[in-house]
Amino acid sequence: MSIDQVGVIGAGQMGNGIAHVCALAGYSVVMLDAKAEALTAAVATVTKNMERQVGRKLIGAEDRDPALARIATAPTTPRSASATSRRRPSARKSSTRSSRR
């Protein structure tokens, strides 16, 4: 199994950082957030951070431009976000069960 696309729920500091790193690594990224302004701010932050990396010669413009093109955004609602995150039973519950045996 190979990973072709990464979905990031939430466009805050952590979400845009994950999107940034994944896009530079060559993955297509879809960043989801309920607030359109959060998505706009996240893309601006990733762009600014990649510009800084180009300025410091950590990456080249030939790396930055395709990476930015790999980041897509999409609005989401609490209902669609919960549908995309199918939770496994928590580890806490399973450890509680095993301690009762």
C-alpha atoms as a PDB file:
ATOM      1  CA  MET A   1       0.000   0.000   0.000  1.00  0.00           C
ATOM      2  CA  SER A   2       1.318   3.448  -0.860  1.00  0.00           C
ATOM      3  CA  ILE A   3       0.262   6.872   0.370  1.00  0.00           C
ATOM      4  CA  ASP A   4      -0.662   9.211  -2.467  1.00  0.00           C
ATOM      5  CA  GLN A   5      -2.580  11.937  -0.675  1.00  0.00           C
ATOM      6  CA  VAL A   6      -2.571  13.338   2.844  1.00  0.00           C
ATOM      7  CA  GLY A   7      -5.635  14.905   4.457  1.00  0.00           C
ATOM      8  CA  VAL A   8      -5.084  17.436   7.220  1.00  0.00           C
ATOM      9  CA  ILE A   9      -8.089  18.355   9.336  1.00  0.00           C
ATOM     10  CA  GLY A  10      -7.540  21.813  10.775  1.00  0.00           C
ATOM     11  CA  ALA A  11      -5.586  24.667   9.210  1.00  0.00           C
ATOM     12  CA  GLY A  12      -4.062  26.082  12.383  1.00  0.00           C
ATOM     13  CA  GLN A  13      -0.385  26.192  13.244  1.00  0.00           C
ATOM     14  CA  MET A  14      -0.013  22.437  13.465  1.00  0.00           C
ATOM     15  CA  GLY A  15      -2.176  21.703  10.414  1.00  0.00           C
ATOM     16  CA  ASN A  16      -0.367  24.108   8.126  1.00  0.00           C
ATOM     17  CA  GLY A  17       2.975  22.785   9.376  1.00  0.00           C
ATOM     18  CA  ILE A  18       1.957  19.218   8.536  1.00  0.00           C
ATOM     19  CA  ALA A  19       0.717  20.333   5.111  1.00  0.00           C
ATOM     20  CA  HIS A  20       4.003  22.186   4.505  1.00  0.00           C
ATOM     21  CA  VAL A  21       6.221  19.202   5.321  1.00  0.00           C
ATOM     22  CA  CYS A  22       4.073  16.697   3.434  1.00  0.00           C
ATOM     23  CA  ALA A  23       3.929  18.887   0.316  1.00  0.00           C
ATOM     24  CA  LEU A  24       7.712  19.312   0.328  1.00  0.00           C
ATOM     25  CA  ALA A  25       8.027  15.532   0.673  1.00  0.00           C
ATOM     26  CA  GLY A  26       6.052  15.128  -2.561  1.00  0.00           C
ATOM     27  CA  TYR A  27       2.591  14.241  -1.250  1.00  0.00           C
ATOM     28  CA  SER A  28      -0.619  15.821  -2.505  1.00  0.00           C
ATOM     29  CA  VAL A  29      -2.258  17.504   0.477  1.00  0.00           C
ATOM     30  CA  VAL A  30      -5.853  18.486   1.164  1.00  0.00           C
ATOM     31  CA  MET A  31      -6.197  20.807   4.145  1.00  0.00           C
ATOM     32  CA  LEU A  32      -9.700  20.964   5.638  1.00  0.00           C
ATOM     33  CA  ASP A  33     -11.116  23.564   8.008  1.00  0.00           C
ATOM     34  CA  ALA A  34     -14.583  24.846   8.851  1.00  0.00           C
ATOM     35  CA  LYS A  35     -13.431  28.457   8.464  1.00  0.00           C
ATOM     36  CA  ALA A  36     -12.483  29.688   4.993  1.00  0.00           C
ATOM     37  CA  GLU A  37     -10.349  32.453   6.513  1.00  0.00           C
ATOM     38  CA  ALA A  38      -8.313  29.831   8.398  1.00  0.00           C
ATOM     39  CA  LEU A  39      -7.575  28.058   5.110  1.00  0.00           C
ATOM     40  CA  THR A  40      -6.548  31.318   3.451  1.00  0.00           C
ATOM     41  CA  ALA A  41      -4.287  32.201   6.397  1.00  0.00           C
ATOM     42  CA  ALA A  42      -2.763  28.704   6.405  1.00  0.00           C
ATOM     43  CA  VAL A  43      -1.812  28.849   2.725  1.00  0.00           C
ATOM     44  CA  ALA A  44      -0.334  32.330   3.276  1.00  0.00           C
ATOM     45  CA  THR A  45       1.697  31.013   6.224  1.00  0.00           C
ATOM     46  CA  VAL A  46       2.996  28.006   4.280  1.00  0.00           C
ATOM     47  CA  THR A  47       3.919  30.295   1.376  1.00  0.00           C
ATOM     48  CA  LYS A  48       5.736  32.714   3.703  1.00  0.00           C
ATOM     49  CA  ASN A  49       7.593  29.885   5.419  1.00  0.00           C
ATOM     50  CA  MET A  50       8.661  28.334   2.117  1.00  0.00           C
ATOM     51  CA  GLU A  51       9.829  31.771   0.924  1.00  0.00           C
ATOM     52  CA  ARG A  52      11.950  32.006   4.058  1.00  0.00           C
ATOM     53  CA  GLN A  53      13.401  28.550   3.322  1.00  0.00           C
ATOM     54  CA  VAL A  54      14.270  29.660  -0.226  1.00  0.00           C
ATOM     55  CA  GLY A  55      15.934  32.789   1.189  1.00  0.00           C
ATOM     56  CA  ARG A  56      18.031  30.679   3.544  1.00  0.00           C
ATOM     57  CA  LYS A  57      18.854  28.320   0.671  1.00  0.00           C
ATOM     58  CA  LEU A  58      17.266  25.376   2.502  1.00  0.00           C
ATOM     59  CA  ILE A  59      15.105  24.667  -0.545  1.00  0.00           C
ATOM     60  CA  GLY A  60      15.131  26.029  -4.069  1.00  0.00           C
ATOM     61  CA  ALA A  61      12.348  27.774  -5.954  1.00  0.00           C
ATOM     62  CA  GLU A  62      12.215  24.621  -8.062  1.00  0.00           C
ATOM     63  CA  ASP A  63      11.146  22.770  -4.871  1.00  0.00           C
ATOM     64  CA  ARG A  64       8.847  25.480  -3.510  1.00  0.00           C
ATOM     65  CA  ASP A  65       6.608  26.025  -6.520  1.00  0.00           C
ATOM     66  CA  PRO A  66       5.570  22.379  -7.058  1.00  0.00           C
ATOM     67  CA  ALA A  67       5.135  21.895  -3.289  1.00  0.00           C
ATOM     68  CA  LEU A  68       2.758  24.861  -3.073  1.00  0.00           C
ATOM     69  CA  ALA A  69       0.848  23.506  -6.074  1.00  0.00           C
ATOM     70  CA  ARG A  70       0.362  20.196  -4.229  1.00  0.00           C
ATOM     71  CA  ILE A  71      -1.598  21.894  -1.398  1.00  0.00           C
ATOM     72  CA  ALA A  72      -5.352  22.085  -1.907  1.00  0.00           C
ATOM     73  CA  THR A  73      -7.904  23.406   0.561  1.00  0.00           C
ATOM     74  CA  ALA A  74     -11.513  22.504   1.205  1.00  0.00           C
ATOM     75  CA  PRO A  75     -14.115  23.736   3.669  1.00  0.00           C
ATOM     76  CA  THR A  76     -15.498  21.178   6.049  1.00  0.00           C
ATOM     77  CA  THR A  77     -18.265  20.973   8.594  1.00  0.00           C
ATOM     78  CA  PRO A  78     -18.182  19.218  11.957  1.00  0.00           C
ATOM     79  CA  ARG A  79     -20.325  16.456  10.437  1.00  0.00           C
ATOM     80  CA  SER A  80     -17.988  15.813   7.487  1.00  0.00           C
ATOM     81  CA  ALA A  81     -14.924  15.970   9.728  1.00  0.00           C
ATOM     82  CA  SER A  82     -16.343  13.325  12.037  1.00  0.00           C
ATOM     83  CA  ALA A  83     -17.186  11.124   9.061  1.00  0.00           C
ATOM     84  CA  THR A  84     -13.567  11.260   7.892  1.00  0.00           C
ATOM     85  CA  SER A  85     -12.082  10.349  11.253  1.00  0.00           C
ATOM     86  CA  ARG A  86     -13.214   6.844  12.083  1.00  0.00           C
ATOM     87  CA  ARG A  87     -11.942   6.190  15.559  1.00  0.00           C
ATOM     88  CA  ARG A  88     -10.585   2.943  16.826  1.00  0.00           C
ATOM     89  CA  PRO A  89     -11.533   1.903  20.336  1.00  0.00           C
ATOM     90  CA  SER A  90      -9.244   3.868  22.604  1.00  0.00           C
ATOM     91  CA  ALA A  91      -6.155   2.285  24.101  1.00  0.00           C
ATOM     92  CA  ARG A  92      -7.402   3.319  27.511  1.00  0.00           C
ATOM     93  CA  LYS A  93     -10.514   1.180  27.175  1.00  0.00           C
ATOM     94  CA  SER A  94      -8.542  -1.846  26.014  1.00  0.00           C
ATOM     95  CA  SER A  95      -6.022  -1.491  28.860  1.00  0.00           C
ATOM     96  CA  THR A  96      -8.907  -1.245  31.352  1.00  0.00           C
ATOM     97  CA  ARG A  97     -10.380  -4.452  30.006  1.00  0.00           C
ATOM     98  CA  SER A  98      -7.074  -6.289  30.215  1.00  0.00           C
ATOM     99  CA  SER A  99      -6.472  -5.175  33.801  1.00  0.00           C
ATOM    100  CA  ARG A 100      -9.805  -6.682  34.890  1.00  0.00           C
ATOM    101  CA  ARG A 101      -8.876 -10.164  33.745  1.00  0.00           C
END
